[in-house]
């Protein structure tokens, strides 16, 4: 089955299901893509949550409801509106820009009354309770999705049959292939992993230049990026780049005043964003390895000798506690896999990574060889804060509450069909990876990814 070029560039080289897709478009309306965070204590980010004024602590936990904002820029704007430092605002996960999203954030040393006075277009911040500690990613359980795919063409019977086949295939897998989704890399400008590669290789000048000037597929700012790639005049670029490119402006301001101090330019960015570059490259390698395993017909829900597997945690979701499969334990492990008490895992390559054994290890070694990189490259001596030790990620992202999708006439244009999907995924899993299995679009950009 053919895969679009923009997906192969981010390591998405295969589908997990064999049935033909239904096409269509997502995110035509923000309300077509609703995401709600769930914490490990059972709290759901949604409308109507009441403020508990009896709590104690200096961190005010709130629900951030946003539309048309990514999380980094939304929290930056909130900090400006509250006249506080950006570091005083914490969050557990990053949410889509082109969606209606609900997530938990915490703000240090502010009252509920101060939060309620905040006025920003398409952003609402609702106080929930005081806490002794800020929100962090360890508290995030997962996300609940309510998604409509529109502009679907075809005969109702044929569409319904394809939808059923895909739904059944995913259920048989026990979830979706746990690829990192399009937004990890940037769909119109898939650049984050390319920056991460240069950082891992110690090529800090190339990392900065790639971030600033790589312009393939992007239209809005391509002229400014093209001029910069021809002149490398950072002062001129600082004047030319649209002010909406906040992070590019930070880098260009630094280079305009400090010359070619590329490490300093990278450090002008928020540390979380700096780390995302290297993590995005880890994600790209993971996608390539998982794609290769699927293409070779090696099951992702059944362990082979040499595979790593991870145990489930107290919430029944894949943990980072890994063991390796050998002849003495493979029968027991595959029994645990069937009962969803373990999951096949693939290493997230870092400087502490020990590769898998068997066929899986061969895949990993081959992909690293093709990338011309090794695990040692993820120990970045010049910028130790960016170093990545590595870890594990399950090959399957398990569903919860994966209802049978509902096909209906598109209310926006009844010459088309639309498909409603409701499902929950664990943290760090991507809804777009589920959607691509149903849609199988050859033009993900036009399809709304």
Protein backbone atom coordinates (compact mmCIF):
# COMPACT_ATOMS: atom_id res chain seq x y z
CA UNK A 1 0.00 0.00 0.00
CA UNK A 2 1.44 3.39 -1.04
CA UNK A 3 2.59 5.88 1.59
CA UNK A 4 2.90 9.62 0.99
CA UNK A 5 6.36 11.19 0.75
CA UNK A 6 5.70 13.56 3.66
CA UNK A 7 5.00 10.54 5.90
CA UNK A 8 8.03 8.54 4.84
CA UNK A 9 10.14 11.61 5.72
CA UNK A 10 9.07 11.17 9.36
CA UNK A 11 9.52 7.42 9.40
CA UNK A 12 5.89 6.44 8.78
CA UNK A 13 6.61 3.89 6.07
CA UNK A 14 3.75 1.42 6.51
CA UNK A 15 0.25 0.94 7.93
CA UNK A 16 -0.68 -1.48 10.67
CA UNK A 17 -3.90 -2.51 8.90
CA UNK A 18 -4.43 -3.98 5.44
CA UNK A 19 -7.97 -2.82 4.58
CA UNK A 20 -8.33 0.12 2.17
CA UNK A 21 -8.86 3.55 3.70
CA UNK A 22 -11.83 5.88 3.43
CA UNK A 23 -10.05 9.19 2.77
CA UNK A 24 -11.66 12.35 4.10
CA UNK A 25 -10.42 15.41 5.97
CA UNK A 26 -9.89 16.19 9.64
CA UNK A 27 -9.85 19.43 11.63
CA UNK A 28 -12.13 21.29 9.22
CA UNK A 29 -13.60 22.76 12.41
CA UNK A 30 -11.75 22.94 15.75
CA UNK A 31 -14.75 21.20 17.33
CA UNK A 32 -14.12 18.23 15.01
CA UNK A 33 -11.03 17.36 17.04
CA UNK A 34 -11.67 17.50 20.78
CA UNK A 35 -8.98 16.35 23.22
CA UNK A 36 -9.43 16.06 26.98
CA UNK A 37 -6.62 15.16 29.36
CA UNK A 38 -7.03 12.59 32.12
CA UNK A 39 -4.76 12.44 35.17
CA UNK A 40 -3.74 9.35 37.10
CA UNK A 41 -6.05 10.42 39.95
CA UNK A 42 -9.03 10.18 37.57
CA UNK A 43 -9.46 13.92 36.99
CA UNK A 44 -10.75 14.83 33.52
CA UNK A 45 -10.06 18.22 31.98
CA UNK A 46 -13.43 19.48 30.76
CA UNK A 47 -15.97 22.26 31.09
CA UNK A 48 -17.84 22.72 34.34
CA UNK A 49 -15.21 21.52 36.82
CA UNK A 50 -15.83 23.31 40.12
CA UNK A 51 -13.09 25.19 41.97
CA UNK A 52 -12.08 23.62 45.30
CA UNK A 53 -11.04 26.55 47.47
CA UNK A 54 -10.12 24.40 50.47
CA UNK A 55 -6.91 22.99 48.97
CA UNK A 56 -3.47 24.06 50.14
CA UNK A 57 -0.23 24.88 48.36
CA UNK A 58 1.38 27.61 46.31
CA UNK A 59 0.59 26.08 42.90
CA UNK A 60 -2.84 26.76 41.45
CA UNK A 61 -3.97 23.90 39.23
CA UNK A 62 -6.19 25.06 36.36
CA UNK A 63 -7.86 23.71 33.25
CA UNK A 64 -6.61 25.34 30.06
CA UNK A 65 -9.19 25.27 27.27
CA UNK A 66 -7.81 26.50 23.98
CA UNK A 67 -8.61 26.64 20.29
CA UNK A 68 -6.10 27.47 17.56
CA UNK A 69 -3.11 27.64 19.93
CA UNK A 70 -0.32 25.19 20.52
CA UNK A 71 0.51 24.61 24.18
CA UNK A 72 3.92 26.32 24.22
CA UNK A 73 2.65 29.56 22.68
CA UNK A 74 -0.59 29.49 24.70
CA UNK A 75 1.26 29.22 28.01
CA UNK A 76 3.66 31.96 26.89
CA UNK A 77 0.69 34.22 26.15
CA UNK A 78 -0.90 33.35 29.50
CA UNK A 79 2.35 34.26 31.28
CA UNK A 80 2.37 37.62 29.48
CA UNK A 81 -1.27 38.23 30.38
CA UNK A 82 -0.60 37.44 34.03
CA UNK A 83 2.69 39.38 34.02
CA UNK A 84 4.64 36.42 35.37
CA UNK A 85 7.65 34.47 34.17
CA UNK A 86 6.93 31.63 31.76
CA UNK A 87 8.67 29.15 34.08
CA UNK A 88 5.93 29.71 36.65
CA UNK A 89 3.50 27.86 34.37
CA UNK A 90 3.77 24.08 34.11
CA UNK A 91 1.85 21.51 32.08
CA UNK A 92 1.81 17.75 31.68
CA UNK A 93 1.48 17.37 27.91
CA UNK A 94 1.54 19.29 24.63
CA UNK A 95 -1.75 19.50 22.74
CA UNK A 96 -2.67 20.07 19.09
CA UNK A 97 -2.99 23.59 17.74
CA UNK A 98 -5.80 22.93 15.25
CA UNK A 99 -8.21 21.47 17.77
CA UNK A 100 -10.36 22.21 20.78
CA UNK A 101 -8.28 20.96 23.68
CA UNK A 102 -8.59 20.75 27.46
CA UNK A 103 -5.54 20.18 29.64
CA UNK A 104 -4.25 20.76 33.15
CA UNK A 105 -1.71 23.46 33.91
CA UNK A 106 -0.42 24.91 37.16
CA UNK A 107 0.55 28.50 37.93
CA UNK A 108 2.82 29.38 40.82
CA UNK A 109 1.92 31.95 43.46
CA UNK A 110 -1.26 33.42 41.94
CA UNK A 111 -4.81 33.52 43.24
CA UNK A 112 -7.93 32.19 41.55
CA UNK A 113 -9.20 35.76 41.29
CA UNK A 114 -6.11 36.80 39.30
CA UNK A 115 -6.56 33.85 36.96
CA UNK A 116 -10.22 34.69 36.37
CA UNK A 117 -9.30 38.21 35.21
CA UNK A 118 -7.26 36.81 32.32
CA UNK A 119 -8.71 37.64 28.87
CA UNK A 120 -7.13 36.07 25.78
CA UNK A 121 -8.95 35.23 22.56
CA UNK A 122 -9.69 31.50 22.22
CA UNK A 123 -8.08 30.73 25.59
CA UNK A 124 -9.90 30.04 28.85
CA UNK A 125 -8.19 29.24 32.13
CA UNK A 126 -10.39 27.87 34.92
CA UNK A 127 -9.01 27.40 38.47
CA UNK A 128 -9.48 23.90 39.91
CA UNK A 129 -7.57 23.62 43.19
CA UNK A 130 -4.40 24.59 45.05
CA UNK A 131 -1.56 22.06 45.20
CA UNK A 132 1.78 21.76 46.97
CA UNK A 133 3.50 20.80 43.73
CA UNK A 134 3.24 21.82 40.08
CA UNK A 135 1.64 19.69 37.39
CA UNK A 136 4.10 17.36 35.67
CA UNK A 137 4.05 14.62 33.05
CA UNK A 138 4.13 11.80 35.62
CA UNK A 139 0.55 12.73 36.59
CA UNK A 140 -0.78 12.36 33.04
CA UNK A 141 -2.67 9.13 32.37
CA UNK A 142 -3.81 9.78 28.81
CA UNK A 143 -6.22 11.63 26.57
CA UNK A 144 -9.82 11.18 25.53
CA UNK A 145 -10.61 11.95 21.87
CA UNK A 146 -13.84 12.89 20.10
CA UNK A 147 -13.04 13.24 16.38
CA UNK A 148 -15.02 13.74 13.18
CA UNK A 149 -13.54 12.92 9.77
CA UNK A 150 -15.45 14.86 7.06
CA UNK A 151 -15.54 15.01 3.24
CA UNK A 152 -15.65 11.22 2.83
CA UNK A 153 -16.78 10.04 -0.60
CA UNK A 154 -18.02 6.64 -1.75
CA UNK A 155 -20.87 4.20 -1.39
CA UNK A 156 -22.22 3.82 2.14
CA UNK A 157 -22.06 0.03 2.09
CA UNK A 158 -18.45 -0.07 0.88
CA UNK A 159 -17.36 2.62 3.38
CA UNK A 160 -19.07 0.79 6.24
CA UNK A 161 -17.32 -2.43 5.27
CA UNK A 162 -13.88 -0.79 5.19
CA UNK A 163 -14.49 0.90 8.54
CA UNK A 164 -15.50 -2.40 10.12
CA UNK A 165 -12.46 -4.21 8.72
CA UNK A 166 -10.05 -1.55 10.01
CA UNK A 167 -11.76 -1.41 13.41
CA UNK A 168 -11.57 -5.19 13.70
CA UNK A 169 -7.90 -5.28 12.64
CA UNK A 170 -6.96 -2.66 15.24
CA UNK A 171 -8.87 -4.51 17.94
CA UNK A 172 -7.07 -7.72 16.98
CA UNK A 173 -3.74 -5.88 17.39
CA UNK A 174 -4.87 -4.66 20.79
CA UNK A 175 -4.45 -1.04 19.72
CA UNK A 176 -2.73 1.03 17.04
CA UNK A 177 0.91 0.84 16.00
CA UNK A 178 2.51 3.23 18.48
CA UNK A 179 4.13 5.54 15.93
CA UNK A 180 4.98 9.10 16.83
CA UNK A 181 2.47 11.21 14.93
CA UNK A 182 2.82 14.01 12.42
CA UNK A 183 2.70 16.85 14.96
CA UNK A 184 5.85 15.52 16.63
CA UNK A 185 7.79 16.64 13.57
CA UNK A 186 5.68 19.35 11.92
CA UNK A 187 3.42 18.36 9.03
CA UNK A 188 4.03 21.34 6.70
CA UNK A 189 7.65 21.78 7.82
CA UNK A 190 8.87 18.44 9.19
CA UNK A 191 12.05 19.86 10.65
CA UNK A 192 12.30 19.10 14.37
CA UNK A 193 13.95 15.69 13.91
CA UNK A 194 16.38 17.12 11.34
CA UNK A 195 17.46 19.74 13.89
CA UNK A 196 17.74 16.95 16.46
CA UNK A 197 20.01 14.92 14.17
CA UNK A 198 22.45 17.83 13.80
CA UNK A 199 22.41 18.43 17.57
CA UNK A 200 23.19 14.77 18.23
CA UNK A 201 26.05 14.95 15.71
CA UNK A 202 27.43 18.09 17.40
CA UNK A 203 26.70 20.17 14.29
CA UNK A 204 25.23 23.15 16.11
CA UNK A 205 25.57 25.54 13.18
CA UNK A 206 23.66 23.16 10.93
CA UNK A 207 21.03 22.64 13.63
CA UNK A 208 20.35 26.37 13.82
CA UNK A 209 20.44 26.89 10.06
CA UNK A 210 18.08 23.96 9.49
CA UNK A 211 15.60 25.30 12.04
CA UNK A 212 15.67 28.78 10.54
CA UNK A 213 15.88 28.11 6.83
CA UNK A 214 14.47 24.66 6.02
CA UNK A 215 11.38 25.58 4.00
CA UNK A 216 10.23 22.54 2.04
CA UNK A 217 6.40 22.30 1.90
CA UNK A 218 5.86 25.47 3.95
CA UNK A 219 4.30 28.42 2.13
CA UNK A 220 3.67 31.33 4.52
CA UNK A 221 7.25 32.10 5.53
CA UNK A 222 9.19 30.42 2.75
CA UNK A 223 10.37 33.68 1.16
CA UNK A 224 12.02 34.92 4.37
CA UNK A 225 13.59 31.52 4.94
CA UNK A 226 14.80 31.34 1.34
CA UNK A 227 16.46 34.77 1.55
CA UNK A 228 18.19 33.76 4.77
CA UNK A 229 19.46 30.52 3.20
CA UNK A 230 21.07 32.59 0.43
CA UNK A 231 22.57 35.39 2.56
CA UNK A 232 22.87 34.15 6.16
CA UNK A 233 22.32 37.76 7.16
CA UNK A 234 20.81 37.28 10.62
CA UNK A 235 20.11 40.97 11.24
CA UNK A 236 18.13 41.24 8.01
CA UNK A 237 16.31 37.99 8.81
CA UNK A 238 15.41 39.34 12.24
CA UNK A 239 13.64 42.21 10.47
CA UNK A 240 12.11 40.01 7.73
CA UNK A 241 10.77 37.03 9.65
CA UNK A 242 7.11 37.33 10.67
CA UNK A 243 6.73 38.29 14.33
CA UNK A 244 4.50 35.24 14.78
CA UNK A 245 7.63 33.07 14.53
CA UNK A 246 8.45 33.70 18.16
CA UNK A 247 11.16 31.08 18.58
CA UNK A 248 12.92 31.93 15.32
CA UNK A 249 12.99 35.54 16.51
CA UNK A 250 14.70 34.50 19.73
CA UNK A 251 17.45 32.75 17.78
CA UNK A 252 17.84 35.57 15.27
CA UNK A 253 18.03 38.19 18.01
CA UNK A 254 20.84 36.25 19.66
CA UNK A 255 22.76 35.77 16.42
CA UNK A 256 22.32 39.44 15.51
CA UNK A 257 24.01 40.53 18.73
CA UNK A 258 26.43 37.66 19.45
CA UNK A 259 27.63 36.66 16.00
CA UNK A 260 27.75 32.98 15.12
CA UNK A 261 27.31 31.72 18.68
CA UNK A 262 25.12 28.80 17.62
CA UNK A 263 25.09 27.03 20.97
CA UNK A 264 24.00 30.28 22.65
CA UNK A 265 21.32 30.69 19.97
CA UNK A 266 19.91 27.25 20.75
CA UNK A 267 19.98 28.08 24.46
CA UNK A 268 17.92 31.20 23.71
CA UNK A 269 14.98 28.82 23.25
CA UNK A 270 12.95 27.37 26.12
CA UNK A 271 14.77 24.30 27.43
CA UNK A 272 11.72 22.12 26.83
CA UNK A 273 11.79 23.05 23.14
CA UNK A 274 15.55 22.42 22.91
CA UNK A 275 15.05 18.91 24.25
CA UNK A 276 12.15 18.30 21.89
CA UNK A 277 14.51 18.50 18.92
CA UNK A 278 16.67 15.59 20.07
CA UNK A 279 13.63 13.68 21.27
CA UNK A 280 12.04 14.18 17.84
CA UNK A 281 15.05 12.54 16.24
CA UNK A 282 14.71 9.63 18.67
CA UNK A 283 11.05 9.47 17.61
CA UNK A 284 11.98 9.39 13.92
CA UNK A 285 14.37 6.48 14.50
CA UNK A 286 11.67 4.68 16.49
CA UNK A 287 9.17 5.16 13.65
CA UNK A 288 11.64 3.73 11.14
CA UNK A 289 12.37 0.72 13.33
CA UNK A 290 8.69 0.00 14.00
CA UNK A 291 7.89 0.44 10.29
CA UNK A 292 10.63 -2.03 9.35
CA UNK A 293 9.34 -4.62 11.84
CA UNK A 294 5.83 -4.39 10.43
CA UNK A 295 7.07 -4.52 6.82
CA UNK A 296 9.03 -7.69 7.61
CA UNK A 297 5.86 -9.30 8.94
CA UNK A 298 7.11 -9.61 12.53
CA UNK A 299 4.10 -9.28 14.89
CA UNK A 300 4.02 -6.23 17.14
CA UNK A 301 1.70 -7.89 19.66
CA UNK A 302 3.68 -11.12 20.03
CA UNK A 303 7.21 -11.38 21.40
CA UNK A 304 10.09 -13.01 19.54
CA UNK A 305 13.34 -14.15 21.14
CA UNK A 306 15.50 -11.07 21.62
CA UNK A 307 12.56 -8.65 21.95
CA UNK A 308 12.19 -6.33 24.88
CA UNK A 309 8.81 -6.32 26.61
CA UNK A 310 7.48 -3.84 29.16
CA UNK A 311 5.23 -4.62 32.09
CA UNK A 312 2.02 -2.70 32.70
CA UNK A 313 1.74 -0.24 35.57
CA UNK A 314 -0.96 0.11 38.22
CA UNK A 315 -3.19 1.76 35.60
CA UNK A 316 -2.85 -1.18 33.21
CA UNK A 317 -0.77 0.81 30.74
CA UNK A 318 2.73 0.13 29.36
CA UNK A 319 5.51 1.15 31.74
CA UNK A 320 9.22 1.75 31.14
CA UNK A 321 10.18 -1.39 33.10
CA UNK A 322 11.63 -3.69 30.42
CA UNK A 323 12.88 -7.27 30.31
CA UNK A 324 14.29 -9.20 27.37
CA UNK A 325 12.69 -12.29 25.86
CA UNK A 326 14.69 -15.50 25.69
CA UNK A 327 13.99 -19.21 25.23
CA UNK A 328 13.34 -19.69 28.94
CA UNK A 329 10.63 -17.06 29.32
CA UNK A 330 9.04 -16.60 25.88
CA UNK A 331 6.01 -18.81 26.58
CA UNK A 332 5.22 -16.98 29.82
CA UNK A 333 5.78 -13.57 28.22
CA UNK A 334 3.47 -14.28 25.31
CA UNK A 335 0.82 -15.45 27.76
CA UNK A 336 1.19 -12.13 29.59
CA UNK A 337 0.99 -10.28 26.26
CA UNK A 338 -2.31 -11.98 25.42
CA UNK A 339 -3.69 -10.92 28.78
CA UNK A 340 -2.41 -7.36 28.24
CA UNK A 341 -0.13 -7.49 31.26
CA UNK A 342 2.90 -6.88 29.02
CA UNK A 343 3.61 -5.21 25.67
CA UNK A 344 6.34 -5.68 23.08
CA UNK A 345 8.70 -2.70 23.37
CA UNK A 346 11.21 -1.01 21.09
CA UNK A 347 14.14 1.03 22.44
CA UNK A 348 14.11 4.81 22.18
CA UNK A 349 17.75 5.12 21.22
CA UNK A 350 19.91 7.01 23.73
CA UNK A 351 23.41 6.88 25.12
CA UNK A 352 22.50 4.12 27.63
CA UNK A 353 20.62 1.95 25.13
CA UNK A 354 21.42 -1.73 24.78
CA UNK A 355 19.89 -2.86 21.51
CA UNK A 356 17.41 -5.73 21.28
CA UNK A 357 18.54 -9.22 20.30
CA UNK A 358 17.33 -11.50 17.52
CA UNK A 359 15.59 -10.16 14.42
CA UNK A 360 14.52 -6.99 16.21
CA UNK A 361 18.12 -6.15 17.10
CA UNK A 362 19.12 -6.62 13.45
CA UNK A 363 16.45 -4.10 12.43
CA UNK A 364 17.72 -1.58 14.98
CA UNK A 365 21.36 -1.96 13.92
CA UNK A 366 20.43 -1.61 10.24
CA UNK A 367 18.41 1.57 10.78
CA UNK A 368 21.19 3.16 12.87
CA UNK A 369 23.69 2.24 10.18
CA UNK A 370 21.47 3.85 7.52
CA UNK A 371 21.19 6.96 9.67
CA UNK A 372 24.98 6.96 10.20
CA UNK A 373 24.53 7.45 13.92
CA UNK A 374 25.11 5.48 17.12
CA UNK A 375 23.71 5.52 20.62
CA UNK A 376 26.82 7.37 21.81
CA UNK A 377 25.81 10.42 19.78
CA UNK A 378 22.99 11.08 22.23
CA UNK A 379 25.52 12.06 24.90
CA UNK A 380 26.02 15.68 23.81
CA UNK A 381 29.05 16.96 25.72
CA UNK A 382 28.83 20.56 24.51
CA UNK A 383 25.17 20.79 25.56
CA UNK A 384 24.70 18.13 28.27
CA UNK A 385 21.18 19.35 29.00
CA UNK A 386 20.13 17.92 25.62
CA UNK A 387 21.60 14.45 26.19
CA UNK A 388 19.15 11.56 26.10
CA UNK A 389 19.78 8.31 27.97
CA UNK A 390 17.06 6.46 26.05
CA UNK A 391 14.19 4.30 27.19
CA UNK A 392 11.47 2.06 25.83
CA UNK A 393 8.18 2.56 24.04
CA UNK A 394 5.53 -0.07 23.49
CA UNK A 395 5.05 -1.17 19.89
CA UNK A 396 1.27 -0.96 20.36
CA UNK A 397 -0.72 1.95 21.82
CA UNK A 398 -3.61 0.26 23.63
CA UNK A 399 -7.12 1.68 23.28
CA UNK A 400 -9.67 2.22 25.96
CA UNK A 401 -13.32 2.85 25.19
CA UNK A 402 -12.78 2.35 21.44
CA UNK A 403 -16.38 2.47 20.29
CA UNK A 404 -17.49 1.26 16.86
CA UNK A 405 -17.05 4.33 14.58
CA UNK A 406 -20.30 5.92 13.38
CA UNK A 407 -20.77 6.80 9.69
CA UNK A 408 -23.31 9.50 8.84
CA UNK A 409 -24.10 12.20 6.31
CA UNK A 410 -21.76 15.18 6.75
CA UNK A 411 -23.74 17.96 8.42
CA UNK A 412 -21.47 20.57 6.79
CA UNK A 413 -22.14 19.20 3.30
CA UNK A 414 -24.55 16.29 2.91
CA UNK A 415 -23.05 15.28 -0.43
CA UNK A 416 -20.28 13.74 1.69
CA UNK A 417 -20.16 11.27 4.56
CA UNK A 418 -18.53 11.84 7.93
CA UNK A 419 -17.15 9.44 10.51
CA UNK A 420 -17.27 9.90 14.28
CA UNK A 421 -14.60 8.22 16.40
CA UNK A 422 -14.43 8.15 20.19
CA UNK A 423 -11.48 6.53 21.96
CA UNK A 424 -8.95 6.98 24.75
CA UNK A 425 -5.19 6.59 24.38
CA UNK A 426 -2.39 6.51 26.95
CA UNK A 427 -0.11 9.52 27.27
CA UNK A 428 2.46 9.98 24.50
CA UNK A 429 0.24 8.12 22.00
CA UNK A 430 -1.11 10.01 18.97
CA UNK A 431 -4.70 10.10 17.76
CA UNK A 432 -3.51 10.98 14.25
CA UNK A 433 -1.81 7.58 14.08
CA UNK A 434 -5.25 5.98 14.58
CA UNK A 435 -6.83 8.31 12.02
CA UNK A 436 -4.25 7.52 9.33
CA UNK A 437 -5.20 3.82 9.60
CA UNK A 438 -8.81 4.69 8.73
CA UNK A 439 -8.06 7.38 6.14
CA UNK A 440 -4.86 6.17 4.41
CA UNK A 441 -4.52 9.53 2.69
CA UNK A 442 -1.90 10.14 0.01
CA UNK A 443 -1.96 13.87 0.84
CA UNK A 444 -1.88 14.20 4.65
CA UNK A 445 -1.40 17.96 4.47
CA UNK A 446 -4.63 18.52 2.51
CA UNK A 447 -6.32 15.92 4.72
CA UNK A 448 -5.66 18.11 7.77
CA UNK A 449 -2.95 16.20 9.59
